[in-house]
């Protein structure tokens, strides 16, 4: 229950559902116990009336006795029927409170987990795969709901019924009650042993389910690659292997789980035998009536379902505990990206990098070493370099998706860490190298940074990104819905839409991370010429491996293996006859060819 204690705050929040559910459970059980007493009275009445009936055999009063007897039995039958109806009504009310409470808690827990996911840094997402994240917010939360819903409902029902029944049974006959309860300690020990096995196997199942979800999610995301390489059979074979492991683990737990019901039925049957045997002896001695024995058998059978549910409930609680432990593992993760001062002062855009170094925490790879650079307000700087030189890492540090492991980054002379994180990121327009578009309309993808952005600004942003003509040719224009990850568009169109999304929010700092790699040179020139107007009076960082993208830059920085090897204007670097010139001439020759 230690892992499940996290849910107590939700139980307190929805305490009235729980309180009312408990009250309705007590009332419904009361209407379940009373019919057993009515059966006892009816059965004893039959025995007593028969003796009197045959005593007056042949007399005129015998028919009146019969009429009174049948009327009494009819009244008992109607009372039992009425009690059953009332019990059903209150059982409905129990579900309308406790089960509804569980749905509210499920809703809140999923929202809290998702909200917490969004606060975690990029390093967390590099360590954990998407399938595992999805499994914890869906499968694990669903299993937790079974604890706060049906498990609590059946648990309260068992507790209430046990207290009410045992108390009444003791008042009728102590000795018979003790014999009826003899199998219960054995039942408790059996449940404890079986559940110890169940919780271990449940954790294994959840881990395997995460692996299975991850594989399926990855296969669907890369379906074009799978089809292109004709690897459908191989992919399906791998899925079968993962599913086979999941099936074997599930069957192993099902075999253990199957021990509950035969065990409980055996112990309940043994209780019935004891009732008949011990009760029969007391009837012979004259201390009990046949109605008492029938009543006790009904009580034992009333305990049968709750005790059977005890096995199911404990199993569900153990599974919920395993799932909540997995959820808690992520909820206990805290982001290191916190603001020191929550600064929200207006941003001009001057950036300063002072001996910045960065090592990726998950891989240990050093991406930047002793990087120092001054970028004035409104200046455009181009960061050039080959693949793996640390260009994209620099973009991540500016957006504060990571913090430097060495040195410091300043914005307008203030440490980047002093700004409120969300406020800081609202000042930036970021076009990532790996373009991601949402399954929504083109207009809404452009509006992503500002959901209420006027259509005129959406249209202008698309024109600046040289995508307007493509969009108006679509049958639905700006209302065209994109497939998952923007699969409807070509690579170049996706990059241009990503640029439009960044510039639509009118950022103080514009970061273009190799965002023109999928467009041809002519389109690149059109976009860069449009961006020239947009970049005016705003700080811009152009990250690219193509020299042509740097022609608008006031300063060009050449990176190699995380270090600055050259820095200056285009003319100065060409005259230096170094790495930049070599890179320029190679790309120029390639374009000519």
Protein backbone atom coordinates (compact mmCIF):
# COMPACT_ATOMS: atom_id res chain seq x y z
CA UNK A 1 0.00 0.00 0.00
CA UNK A 2 3.05 2.30 0.22
CA UNK A 3 3.00 3.09 -3.51
CA UNK A 4 -0.79 3.59 -3.45
CA UNK A 5 -0.56 6.14 -0.63
CA UNK A 6 0.07 8.75 -3.37
CA UNK A 7 -3.63 8.42 -4.25
CA UNK A 8 -4.81 9.49 -0.79
CA UNK A 9 -4.95 13.14 -1.86
CA UNK A 10 -7.49 12.22 -4.54
CA UNK A 11 -9.55 10.20 -2.06
CA UNK A 12 -9.62 13.24 0.23
CA UNK A 13 -10.63 15.45 -2.71
CA UNK A 14 -13.59 13.20 -3.53
CA UNK A 15 -14.32 12.17 0.06
CA UNK A 16 -18.08 12.80 -0.23
CA UNK A 17 -18.37 10.22 -2.99
CA UNK A 18 -16.59 7.75 -0.70
CA UNK A 19 -18.67 8.64 2.37
CA UNK A 20 -21.98 8.40 0.52
CA UNK A 21 -20.86 5.17 -1.13
CA UNK A 22 -20.11 3.68 2.28
CA UNK A 23 -23.52 4.74 3.64
CA UNK A 24 -25.29 3.24 0.61
CA UNK A 25 -23.26 0.03 1.06
CA UNK A 26 -24.43 -0.27 4.68
CA UNK A 27 -28.06 0.28 3.70
CA UNK A 28 -27.92 -2.17 0.78
CA UNK A 29 -26.39 -4.86 3.01
CA UNK A 30 -29.05 -4.20 5.64
CA UNK A 31 -31.69 -4.95 3.03
CA UNK A 32 -29.72 -8.10 2.16
CA UNK A 33 -29.56 -9.43 5.74
CA UNK A 34 -33.20 -8.86 6.71
CA UNK A 35 -34.56 -11.36 4.10
CA UNK A 36 -32.50 -14.14 5.74
CA UNK A 37 -34.26 -13.42 9.03
CA UNK A 38 -37.63 -13.39 7.25
CA UNK A 39 -36.82 -16.81 5.78
CA UNK A 40 -36.12 -18.08 9.32
CA UNK A 41 -39.45 -16.72 10.59
CA UNK A 42 -41.27 -18.15 7.57
CA UNK A 43 -39.67 -21.59 7.96
CA UNK A 44 -40.36 -21.75 11.68
CA UNK A 45 -43.93 -20.59 10.97
CA UNK A 46 -44.38 -23.47 8.54
CA UNK A 47 -43.29 -26.01 11.15
CA UNK A 48 -45.49 -24.56 13.91
CA UNK A 49 -48.54 -24.07 11.64
CA UNK A 50 -48.39 -27.63 10.29
CA UNK A 51 -48.58 -29.05 13.80
CA UNK A 52 -51.65 -26.88 14.60
CA UNK A 53 -53.19 -27.55 11.19
CA UNK A 54 -53.15 -31.35 11.63
CA UNK A 55 -54.29 -30.96 15.27
CA UNK A 56 -57.62 -29.50 14.04
CA UNK A 57 -58.02 -31.99 11.22
CA UNK A 58 -61.71 -32.31 10.22
CA UNK A 59 -62.70 -29.17 12.14
CA UNK A 60 -64.17 -26.04 10.45
CA UNK A 61 -61.37 -23.86 11.88
CA UNK A 62 -58.80 -25.83 9.88
CA UNK A 63 -59.61 -23.90 6.68
CA UNK A 64 -59.23 -20.56 8.51
CA UNK A 65 -55.86 -21.67 9.84
CA UNK A 66 -54.84 -22.52 6.27
CA UNK A 67 -55.97 -19.07 5.02
CA UNK A 68 -54.01 -17.27 7.75
CA UNK A 69 -50.97 -19.44 6.99
CA UNK A 70 -51.01 -18.74 3.23
CA UNK A 71 -51.56 -15.01 3.81
CA UNK A 72 -48.60 -14.92 6.22
CA UNK A 73 -46.33 -16.76 3.75
CA UNK A 74 -47.46 -14.37 0.97
CA UNK A 75 -46.60 -11.37 3.15
CA UNK A 76 -43.17 -12.81 3.90
CA UNK A 77 -42.63 -13.37 0.15
CA UNK A 78 -43.66 -9.80 -0.69
CA UNK A 79 -41.41 -8.41 2.05
CA UNK A 80 -38.45 -10.43 0.72
CA UNK A 81 -39.18 -9.17 -2.81
CA UNK A 82 -39.42 -5.58 -1.56
CA UNK A 83 -36.12 -5.93 0.30
CA UNK A 84 -34.45 -7.29 -2.87
CA UNK A 85 -35.70 -4.29 -4.87
CA UNK A 86 -34.46 -1.82 -2.24
CA UNK A 87 -31.10 -3.58 -2.10
CA UNK A 88 -30.81 -3.27 -5.90
CA UNK A 89 -31.61 0.45 -5.77
CA UNK A 90 -28.95 1.13 -3.16
CA UNK A 91 -26.40 -1.06 -4.97
CA UNK A 92 -27.00 1.18 -8.00
CA UNK A 93 -26.35 4.22 -5.77
CA UNK A 94 -23.12 2.59 -4.53
CA UNK A 95 -21.86 2.34 -8.10
CA UNK A 96 -23.01 5.88 -8.87
CA UNK A 97 -20.77 7.17 -6.09
CA UNK A 98 -17.68 4.97 -5.74
CA UNK A 99 -17.28 4.02 -9.42
CA UNK A 100 -17.94 7.63 -10.50
CA UNK A 101 -15.30 8.70 -7.95
CA UNK A 102 -12.80 6.31 -9.57
CA UNK A 103 -13.44 7.86 -12.99
CA UNK A 104 -12.82 11.35 -11.58
CA UNK A 105 -9.57 10.16 -9.99
CA UNK A 106 -8.52 8.47 -13.25
CA UNK A 107 -9.15 11.74 -15.10
CA UNK A 108 -7.16 13.78 -12.55
CA UNK A 109 -4.29 11.30 -12.39
CA UNK A 110 -3.89 11.16 -16.19
CA UNK A 111 -3.89 14.96 -16.34
CA UNK A 112 -1.37 15.22 -13.49
CA UNK A 113 0.96 12.66 -15.07
CA UNK A 114 0.74 14.34 -18.49
CA UNK A 115 1.29 17.77 -16.95
CA UNK A 116 4.29 16.43 -15.03
CA UNK A 117 5.71 14.91 -18.23
CA UNK A 118 5.69 18.37 -19.79
CA UNK A 119 7.77 19.83 -16.97
CA UNK A 120 10.56 17.28 -17.37
CA UNK A 121 13.72 18.19 -19.32
CA UNK A 122 14.80 16.81 -22.69
CA UNK A 123 17.31 14.53 -20.97
CA UNK A 124 14.36 12.61 -19.48
CA UNK A 125 12.92 11.95 -22.95
CA UNK A 126 16.30 10.83 -24.24
CA UNK A 127 16.43 8.19 -21.46
CA UNK A 128 12.86 6.89 -21.85
CA UNK A 129 11.09 5.70 -24.97
CA UNK A 130 7.66 6.87 -26.12
CA UNK A 131 6.00 3.48 -25.71
CA UNK A 132 6.93 3.33 -22.02
CA UNK A 133 5.64 6.86 -21.42
CA UNK A 134 2.33 5.99 -23.10
CA UNK A 135 1.97 2.69 -21.21
CA UNK A 136 2.31 4.42 -17.84
CA UNK A 137 -0.28 7.09 -18.60
CA UNK A 138 -2.78 4.64 -20.13
CA UNK A 139 -2.39 1.01 -19.02
CA UNK A 140 -0.92 1.75 -15.59
CA UNK A 141 -3.45 4.47 -14.77
CA UNK A 142 -6.30 2.14 -15.83
CA UNK A 143 -5.05 -0.52 -13.42
CA UNK A 144 -4.84 2.08 -10.64
CA UNK A 145 -8.48 3.00 -11.34
CA UNK A 146 -9.44 -0.59 -10.58
CA UNK A 147 -8.09 0.00 -7.07
CA UNK A 148 -9.87 3.31 -6.38
CA UNK A 149 -13.08 1.98 -7.95
CA UNK A 150 -14.14 -1.68 -7.86
CA UNK A 151 -11.48 -2.74 -5.33
CA UNK A 152 -12.48 -0.13 -2.76
CA UNK A 153 -16.18 -0.80 -3.44
CA UNK A 154 -15.85 -4.56 -2.90
CA UNK A 155 -13.52 -4.04 0.04
CA UNK A 156 -16.01 -1.74 1.84
CA UNK A 157 -18.82 -4.16 1.02
CA UNK A 158 -16.91 -7.09 2.51
CA UNK A 159 -15.98 -5.16 5.64
CA UNK A 160 -19.52 -3.87 6.23
CA UNK A 161 -21.16 -7.22 5.52
CA UNK A 162 -18.65 -9.09 7.68
CA UNK A 163 -19.18 -6.81 10.68
CA UNK A 164 -22.99 -6.87 10.34
CA UNK A 165 -23.26 -10.61 9.73
CA UNK A 166 -20.76 -11.77 12.33
CA UNK A 167 -22.30 -9.52 14.97
CA UNK A 168 -25.76 -10.91 14.31
CA UNK A 169 -24.57 -14.53 13.99
CA UNK A 170 -22.85 -14.29 17.38
CA UNK A 171 -26.08 -13.01 18.92
CA UNK A 172 -27.93 -16.09 17.60
CA UNK A 173 -25.40 -18.81 18.45
CA UNK A 174 -21.76 -18.30 19.44
CA UNK A 175 -20.63 -21.92 18.98
CA UNK A 176 -22.06 -22.28 15.48
CA UNK A 177 -20.57 -18.91 14.45
CA UNK A 178 -17.08 -19.96 15.63
CA UNK A 179 -17.25 -23.17 13.59
CA UNK A 180 -18.43 -21.23 10.50
CA UNK A 181 -15.46 -18.86 10.78
CA UNK A 182 -12.84 -21.59 11.26
CA UNK A 183 -11.78 -21.70 7.56
CA UNK A 184 -11.17 -17.90 7.40
CA UNK A 185 -7.60 -17.83 8.84
CA UNK A 186 -6.62 -20.52 6.33
CA UNK A 187 -8.18 -18.39 3.59
CA UNK A 188 -6.18 -15.32 4.68
CA UNK A 189 -2.89 -17.22 4.65
CA UNK A 190 -3.65 -18.67 1.22
CA UNK A 191 -4.47 -15.21 -0.20
CA UNK A 192 -1.25 -13.77 1.23
CA UNK A 193 0.90 -16.47 -0.38
CA UNK A 194 -0.83 -16.29 -3.76
CA UNK A 195 -0.71 -12.48 -3.87
CA UNK A 196 3.00 -12.41 -3.13
CA UNK A 197 3.44 -14.32 -6.37
CA UNK A 198 0.90 -12.18 -8.23
CA UNK A 199 2.55 -8.83 -7.45
CA UNK A 200 5.92 -10.06 -8.71
CA UNK A 201 4.45 -11.39 -11.95
CA UNK A 202 2.27 -8.31 -12.41
CA UNK A 203 5.35 -6.07 -12.42
CA UNK A 204 6.96 -8.30 -15.05
CA UNK A 205 3.83 -8.09 -17.20
CA UNK A 206 3.74 -4.28 -17.03
CA UNK A 207 7.40 -4.04 -18.02
CA UNK A 208 6.82 -6.34 -20.98
CA UNK A 209 3.71 -4.37 -21.97
CA UNK A 210 5.87 -1.23 -22.13
CA UNK A 211 8.33 -3.04 -24.40
CA UNK A 212 5.47 -4.21 -26.62
CA UNK A 213 3.93 -0.69 -26.81
CA UNK A 214 7.33 0.80 -27.65
CA UNK A 215 7.89 -1.66 -30.49
CA UNK A 216 4.43 -1.10 -31.99
CA UNK A 217 4.72 2.70 -31.73
CA UNK A 218 8.16 2.63 -33.38
CA UNK A 219 6.95 0.30 -36.15
CA UNK A 220 3.99 2.54 -37.03
CA UNK A 221 6.12 5.69 -36.90
CA UNK A 222 8.63 4.10 -39.28
CA UNK A 223 6.11 2.33 -41.50
CA UNK A 224 7.47 4.00 -44.66
CA UNK A 225 10.95 2.65 -43.97
CA UNK A 226 9.57 -0.83 -43.22
CA UNK A 227 7.62 -0.88 -46.50
CA UNK A 228 10.50 0.59 -48.51
CA UNK A 229 12.86 -2.15 -47.35
CA UNK A 230 10.14 -4.86 -47.63
CA UNK A 231 10.58 -5.81 -43.97
CA UNK A 232 6.92 -6.36 -43.05
CA UNK A 233 7.50 -10.07 -42.38
CA UNK A 234 10.59 -9.36 -40.26
CA UNK A 235 8.76 -6.63 -38.32
CA UNK A 236 5.81 -8.93 -37.69
CA UNK A 237 8.18 -11.68 -36.54
CA UNK A 238 9.73 -9.35 -33.97
CA UNK A 239 6.27 -8.33 -32.80
CA UNK A 240 5.32 -11.99 -32.39
CA UNK A 241 8.40 -12.58 -30.22
CA UNK A 242 7.52 -9.65 -27.94
CA UNK A 243 3.84 -10.69 -27.85
CA UNK A 244 4.83 -14.30 -27.08
CA UNK A 245 6.82 -13.17 -24.04
CA UNK A 246 3.84 -11.05 -22.91
CA UNK A 247 1.47 -13.99 -23.43
CA UNK A 248 3.69 -16.38 -21.43
CA UNK A 249 3.99 -13.93 -18.53
CA UNK A 250 0.22 -13.29 -18.55
CA UNK A 251 -0.57 -17.01 -18.59
CA UNK A 252 1.81 -17.65 -15.71
CA UNK A 253 -0.05 -15.09 -13.60
CA UNK A 254 -3.44 -16.38 -14.76
CA UNK A 255 -2.52 -19.87 -13.53
CA UNK A 256 -1.76 -18.45 -10.09
CA UNK A 257 -4.85 -16.25 -10.18
CA UNK A 258 -6.97 -19.31 -10.99
CA UNK A 259 -6.17 -20.78 -7.56
CA UNK A 260 -8.39 -18.19 -5.84
CA UNK A 261 -11.86 -19.30 -6.80
CA UNK A 262 -11.53 -23.09 -6.28
CA UNK A 263 -9.84 -22.41 -2.94
CA UNK A 264 -12.56 -20.03 -1.75
CA UNK A 265 -15.40 -22.29 -2.93
CA UNK A 266 -13.79 -25.22 -1.13
CA UNK A 267 -13.55 -23.27 2.13
CA UNK A 268 -17.12 -21.91 1.79
CA UNK A 269 -18.41 -25.43 1.11
CA UNK A 270 -16.58 -26.65 4.18
CA UNK A 271 -18.32 -23.89 6.22
CA UNK A 272 -21.72 -25.08 4.95
CA UNK A 273 -20.92 -28.65 6.00
CA UNK A 274 -19.97 -27.43 9.48
CA UNK A 275 -23.22 -25.44 9.74
CA UNK A 276 -25.34 -28.47 8.84
CA UNK A 277 -23.40 -30.88 11.08
CA UNK A 278 -23.02 -28.68 14.19
CA UNK A 279 -26.44 -27.09 13.70
CA UNK A 280 -28.08 -30.50 13.30
CA UNK A 281 -26.71 -31.59 16.66
CA UNK A 282 -28.10 -28.43 18.31
CA UNK A 283 -31.54 -28.99 16.71
CA UNK A 284 -31.55 -32.48 18.24
CA UNK A 285 -30.65 -30.93 21.60
CA UNK A 286 -33.45 -28.36 21.13
CA UNK A 287 -31.21 -25.26 21.32
CA UNK A 288 -31.77 -24.25 17.66
CA UNK A 289 -34.61 -24.49 15.14
CA UNK A 290 -34.42 -25.55 11.46
CA UNK A 291 -35.05 -21.88 10.63
CA UNK A 292 -31.83 -20.93 12.44
CA UNK A 293 -29.83 -23.44 10.38
CA UNK A 294 -31.37 -22.19 7.12
CA UNK A 295 -30.60 -18.62 8.19
CA UNK A 296 -26.96 -19.51 8.91
CA UNK A 297 -26.59 -21.23 5.52
CA UNK A 298 -27.96 -18.09 3.84
CA UNK A 299 -25.45 -15.98 5.80
CA UNK A 300 -22.57 -18.21 4.73
CA UNK A 301 -23.71 -17.95 1.10
CA UNK A 302 -24.06 -14.17 1.48
CA UNK A 303 -20.39 -14.14 2.48
CA UNK A 304 -19.43 -16.29 -0.51
CA UNK A 305 -19.33 -13.53 -3.16
CA UNK A 306 -17.61 -10.91 -0.97
CA UNK A 307 -15.01 -13.47 0.10
CA UNK A 308 -14.58 -14.53 -3.53
CA UNK A 309 -14.29 -10.86 -4.43
CA UNK A 310 -11.61 -10.58 -1.74
CA UNK A 311 -9.34 -12.72 -3.90
CA UNK A 312 -10.06 -10.65 -7.00
CA UNK A 313 -9.79 -7.40 -5.03
CA UNK A 314 -6.43 -8.25 -3.47
CA UNK A 315 -5.18 -9.28 -6.90
CA UNK A 316 -6.30 -5.94 -8.38
CA UNK A 317 -4.76 -4.02 -5.49
CA UNK A 318 -1.43 -5.75 -6.05
CA UNK A 319 -1.56 -4.96 -9.76
CA UNK A 320 -2.50 -1.36 -8.99
CA UNK A 321 0.38 -1.11 -6.53
CA UNK A 322 2.81 -2.35 -9.19
CA UNK A 323 1.40 0.16 -11.71
CA UNK A 324 1.38 3.06 -9.24
CA UNK A 325 5.00 2.29 -8.34
CA UNK A 326 5.87 2.69 -12.04
CA UNK A 327 3.89 5.96 -12.22
CA UNK A 328 5.55 7.23 -9.03
CA UNK A 329 8.95 6.51 -10.54
CA UNK A 330 8.31 9.22 -13.15
CA UNK A 331 6.38 11.53 -10.82
CA UNK A 332 9.41 11.57 -8.50
CA UNK A 333 11.60 12.80 -11.37
CA UNK A 334 12.19 16.52 -10.96
CA UNK A 335 13.39 18.92 -13.59
CA UNK A 336 16.72 20.64 -13.08
CA UNK A 337 15.61 23.47 -15.36
CA UNK A 338 14.25 25.86 -12.72
CA UNK A 339 14.28 29.63 -12.74
CA UNK A 340 16.41 31.31 -10.09
CA UNK A 341 14.57 34.66 -10.15
CA UNK A 342 11.46 34.16 -12.36
CA UNK A 343 12.53 37.24 -14.30
CA UNK A 344 9.94 38.58 -16.79
CA UNK A 345 11.61 41.80 -17.92
CA UNK A 346 11.29 42.85 -21.61
CA UNK A 347 13.84 41.07 -23.82
CA UNK A 348 16.05 43.00 -26.27
CA UNK A 349 17.89 39.94 -27.61
CA UNK A 350 21.61 40.34 -26.81
CA UNK A 351 23.21 36.91 -26.23
CA UNK A 352 26.51 36.20 -24.53
CA UNK A 353 28.21 32.80 -24.31
CA UNK A 354 31.03 32.62 -21.77
CA UNK A 355 33.23 29.51 -21.93
CA UNK A 356 30.22 27.28 -22.44
CA UNK A 357 30.71 23.51 -22.35
CA UNK A 358 28.10 20.79 -22.52
CA UNK A 359 28.12 17.03 -21.99
CA UNK A 360 24.96 15.03 -22.69
CA UNK A 361 23.99 13.42 -19.35
CA UNK A 362 22.65 10.18 -20.85
CA UNK A 363 25.48 9.41 -23.28
CA UNK A 364 28.45 11.29 -21.80
CA UNK A 365 29.26 12.82 -25.22
CA UNK A 366 30.90 16.26 -25.03
CA UNK A 367 29.07 18.40 -27.60
CA UNK A 368 30.57 21.84 -26.81
CA UNK A 369 33.92 22.90 -25.38
CA UNK A 370 34.90 26.39 -24.24
CA UNK A 371 32.40 28.11 -26.55
CA UNK A 372 32.50 31.92 -26.20
CA UNK A 373 30.55 34.34 -28.39
CA UNK A 374 28.94 37.78 -28.16
CA UNK A 375 25.76 38.42 -30.21
CA UNK A 376 24.49 41.99 -30.12
CA UNK A 377 20.81 42.95 -30.19
CA UNK A 378 19.40 42.65 -33.73
CA UNK A 379 22.53 40.89 -35.01
CA UNK A 380 22.39 37.78 -37.19
CA UNK A 381 24.96 35.09 -36.50
CA UNK A 382 25.48 31.95 -38.59
CA UNK A 383 26.80 28.78 -36.94
CA UNK A 384 28.37 26.48 -39.54
CA UNK A 385 29.90 23.07 -39.16
CA UNK A 386 29.76 19.44 -40.15
CA UNK A 387 27.42 16.86 -38.66
CA UNK A 388 28.15 16.28 -34.97
CA UNK A 389 30.03 19.56 -34.49
CA UNK A 390 27.58 20.77 -31.79
CA UNK A 391 25.39 23.16 -33.80
CA UNK A 392 22.00 21.78 -32.68
CA UNK A 393 23.22 21.53 -29.09
CA UNK A 394 23.79 25.28 -29.18
CA UNK A 395 20.15 25.82 -30.26
CA UNK A 396 18.94 23.61 -27.39
CA UNK A 397 20.99 25.63 -24.90
CA UNK A 398 19.64 28.97 -26.16
CA UNK A 399 16.04 27.70 -25.73
CA UNK A 400 17.10 26.31 -22.38
CA UNK A 401 16.06 22.79 -23.20
CA UNK A 402 19.33 21.96 -21.43
CA UNK A 403 21.61 23.89 -19.09
CA UNK A 404 25.34 24.14 -19.84
CA UNK A 405 27.55 21.80 -17.79
CA UNK A 406 30.26 24.49 -17.89
CA UNK A 407 30.26 28.25 -18.34
CA UNK A 408 27.26 30.57 -18.59
CA UNK A 409 24.81 31.97 -21.14
CA UNK A 410 23.54 35.54 -20.65
CA UNK A 411 20.52 37.25 -22.22
CA UNK A 412 20.65 41.07 -22.10
CA UNK A 413 23.39 40.74 -19.50
CA UNK A 414 21.34 38.51 -17.19
CA UNK A 415 21.88 34.75 -16.69
CA UNK A 416 19.53 32.69 -18.84
CA UNK A 417 18.62 30.69 -15.73
CA UNK A 418 17.22 33.82 -14.04
CA UNK A 419 14.34 34.14 -16.53
CA UNK A 420 11.00 32.43 -16.08
CA UNK A 421 11.33 29.42 -18.43
CA UNK A 422 7.97 29.75 -20.20
CA UNK A 423 8.37 33.53 -20.53
CA UNK A 424 11.87 33.01 -21.97
CA UNK A 425 10.70 30.50 -24.57
CA UNK A 426 7.82 32.76 -25.63
CA UNK A 427 10.44 35.29 -26.74
CA UNK A 428 11.98 32.78 -29.14
CA UNK A 429 10.99 31.39 -32.51
CA UNK A 430 12.64 27.99 -32.89
CA UNK A 431 12.72 25.96 -36.10
CA UNK A 432 14.17 22.56 -35.12
CA UNK A 433 16.28 20.40 -37.38
CA UNK A 434 13.85 17.50 -36.93
CA UNK A 435 10.60 19.09 -38.09
CA UNK A 436 7.50 18.02 -36.18
CA UNK A 437 4.00 18.98 -37.31
CA UNK A 438 0.77 18.08 -35.55
CA UNK A 439 -2.22 16.18 -36.96
CA UNK A 440 -4.25 19.35 -37.41
CA UNK A 441 -5.00 21.92 -40.09
CA UNK A 442 -2.22 23.92 -41.73
CA UNK A 443 -3.58 27.14 -40.20
CA UNK A 444 -3.60 25.67 -36.69
CA UNK A 445 -0.03 24.40 -37.11
CA UNK A 446 1.07 27.94 -37.96
CA UNK A 447 -0.93 29.27 -34.98
CA UNK A 448 0.60 26.72 -32.60
CA UNK A 449 2.61 29.33 -30.69
CA UNK A 450 -0.34 31.76 -30.49
CA UNK A 451 -3.71 29.89 -30.79
CA UNK A 452 -5.73 33.11 -31.34
CA UNK A 453 -3.42 34.52 -34.03
CA UNK A 454 -5.42 36.44 -36.72
CA UNK A 455 -5.63 34.75 -40.12
CA UNK A 456 -3.91 37.71 -41.81
CA UNK A 457 -0.75 37.06 -39.80
CA UNK A 458 -0.98 33.34 -40.53
CA UNK A 459 -1.18 34.13 -44.24
CA UNK A 460 1.76 36.53 -44.08
CA UNK A 461 3.93 34.03 -42.21
CA UNK A 462 3.23 31.37 -44.85
CA UNK A 463 4.09 33.84 -47.64
CA UNK A 464 7.39 34.70 -45.95
CA UNK A 465 8.19 30.99 -45.78
CA UNK A 466 7.42 30.67 -49.54
CA UNK A 467 4.65 28.13 -48.95
CA UNK A 468 1.60 30.22 -49.82
CA UNK A 469 1.32 29.06 -53.45
CA UNK A 470 1.48 25.38 -52.41
CA UNK A 471 -1.24 25.82 -49.80
CA UNK A 472 -3.73 27.64 -52.02
CA UNK A 473 -3.41 24.80 -54.55
CA UNK A 474 -4.61 22.28 -51.96
CA UNK A 475 -8.37 21.50 -52.24
CA UNK A 476 -9.04 22.73 -48.70
CA UNK A 477 -6.35 25.42 -48.58
CA UNK A 478 -5.38 26.46 -45.06
CA UNK A 479 -7.96 24.03 -43.63
CA UNK A 480 -6.09 21.04 -45.10
CA UNK A 481 -5.53 18.53 -42.32
CA UNK A 482 -2.04 17.11 -42.07
CA UNK A 483 -1.41 13.45 -41.34
CA UNK A 484 0.63 12.25 -38.39
CA UNK A 485 3.92 14.19 -38.22
CA UNK A 486 2.83 16.14 -41.31
CA UNK A 487 3.01 13.11 -43.60
CA UNK A 488 0.69 14.87 -46.10
CA UNK A 489 3.48 17.33 -47.03
CA UNK A 490 6.86 16.86 -48.68
CA UNK A 491 10.08 17.32 -46.71
CA UNK A 492 10.63 20.86 -48.03
CA UNK A 493 7.01 21.85 -47.41
CA UNK A 494 7.22 20.62 -43.83
CA UNK A 495 10.38 22.66 -43.23
CA UNK A 496 8.77 25.81 -44.68
CA UNK A 497 5.63 25.31 -42.58
CA UNK A 498 7.85 24.94 -39.51
CA UNK A 499 9.53 28.26 -40.41
CA UNK A 500 6.11 29.91 -40.80
CA UNK A 501 5.13 28.62 -37.35
CA UNK A 502 8.24 30.17 -35.80
CA UNK A 503 8.02 33.61 -37.43
CA UNK A 504 4.24 33.91 -36.93
CA UNK A 505 4.71 34.54 -33.20
CA UNK A 506 6.98 37.58 -33.91
CA UNK A 507 9.84 36.41 -31.65
CA UNK A 508 12.64 38.56 -30.23
CA UNK A 509 15.16 35.80 -31.00
CA UNK A 510 14.85 33.62 -34.13
CA UNK A 511 16.69 30.30 -34.20
CA UNK A 512 16.86 28.40 -37.50
CA UNK A 513 18.42 24.99 -36.89
CA UNK A 514 19.42 23.63 -40.31
CA UNK A 515 15.83 24.24 -41.41
CA UNK A 516 16.56 24.69 -45.13
CA UNK A 517 18.31 21.38 -45.77
CA UNK A 518 15.30 19.87 -47.60
CA UNK A 519 14.70 22.78 -50.01
CA UNK A 520 16.51 23.54 -53.25
CA UNK A 521 18.91 26.46 -53.63
CA UNK A 522 16.35 28.65 -55.44
CA UNK A 523 13.71 28.17 -52.70
CA UNK A 524 16.41 28.73 -50.09
CA UNK A 525 17.27 32.10 -51.66
CA UNK A 526 13.58 33.13 -51.75
CA UNK A 527 13.09 32.20 -48.08
CA UNK A 528 16.32 33.90 -46.99
CA UNK A 529 15.39 37.08 -48.85
CA UNK A 530 11.98 37.05 -47.14
CA UNK A 531 13.67 36.40 -43.80
CA UNK A 532 15.98 39.37 -44.32
CA UNK A 533 13.04 41.68 -43.63
CA UNK A 534 11.88 39.54 -40.70
CA UNK A 535 15.35 39.37 -39.14
CA UNK A 536 15.67 43.14 -39.07
CA UNK A 537 15.80 44.45 -35.48
CA UNK A 538 15.71 40.95 -34.02
CA UNK A 539 18.51 38.63 -32.94
CA UNK A 540 18.80 35.68 -35.31
CA UNK A 541 20.84 32.50 -35.09
CA UNK A 542 21.15 30.54 -38.35
CA UNK A 543 22.51 27.04 -37.81
CA UNK A 544 23.43 25.15 -40.95
CA UNK A 545 25.96 22.93 -42.68
CA UNK A 546 25.35 24.84 -45.95
CA UNK A 547 27.45 27.94 -46.51
CA UNK A 548 24.74 29.51 -48.67
CA UNK A 549 22.48 29.84 -45.60
CA UNK A 550 25.02 32.16 -43.96
CA UNK A 551 24.93 34.95 -46.54
CA UNK A 552 22.60 37.12 -44.40
CA UNK A 553 24.76 36.79 -41.28
CA UNK A 554 26.67 39.66 -39.73
CA UNK A 555 29.00 37.15 -38.09
CA UNK A 556 29.88 33.60 -39.13
CA UNK A 557 31.13 31.04 -36.62
CA UNK A 558 32.65 27.76 -37.81
CA UNK A 559 32.42 24.86 -35.35
CA UNK A 560 34.41 21.67 -35.37
CA UNK A 561 34.09 19.01 -32.69
CA UNK A 562 32.35 21.45 -30.34
CA UNK A 563 35.01 24.19 -30.62
CA UNK A 564 35.11 27.48 -32.52
CA UNK A 565 37.78 27.15 -35.22
CA UNK A 566 36.98 30.34 -37.15
CA UNK A 567 34.89 33.45 -36.59
CA UNK A 568 34.25 36.62 -38.62
CA UNK A 569 32.46 38.02 -41.66
CA UNK A 570 32.21 36.18 -44.98
CA UNK A 571 34.88 38.37 -46.56
CA UNK A 572 37.28 38.06 -43.64
CA UNK A 573 36.95 34.28 -43.48
CA UNK A 574 37.45 33.92 -47.25
CA UNK A 575 40.65 35.98 -47.00
CA UNK A 576 41.87 33.80 -44.11
CA UNK A 577 41.89 30.85 -46.50
CA UNK A 578 40.93 28.34 -43.76
CA UNK A 579 38.18 25.89 -42.96
CA UNK A 580 35.37 28.22 -44.04
CA UNK A 581 36.88 28.85 -47.47
CA UNK A 582 37.46 25.13 -47.97
CA UNK A 583 33.85 24.39 -47.02
CA UNK A 584 32.58 27.20 -49.29
CA UNK A 585 34.52 26.05 -52.33
CA UNK A 586 33.49 22.40 -51.91
CA UNK A 587 29.81 23.30 -51.71
CA UNK A 588 30.13 25.73 -54.64
CA UNK A 589 31.67 23.00 -56.80
CA UNK A 590 28.91 20.58 -55.78
CA UNK A 591 26.19 23.06 -56.77
CA UNK A 592 27.87 23.72 -60.12
CA UNK A 593 28.05 19.97 -60.84
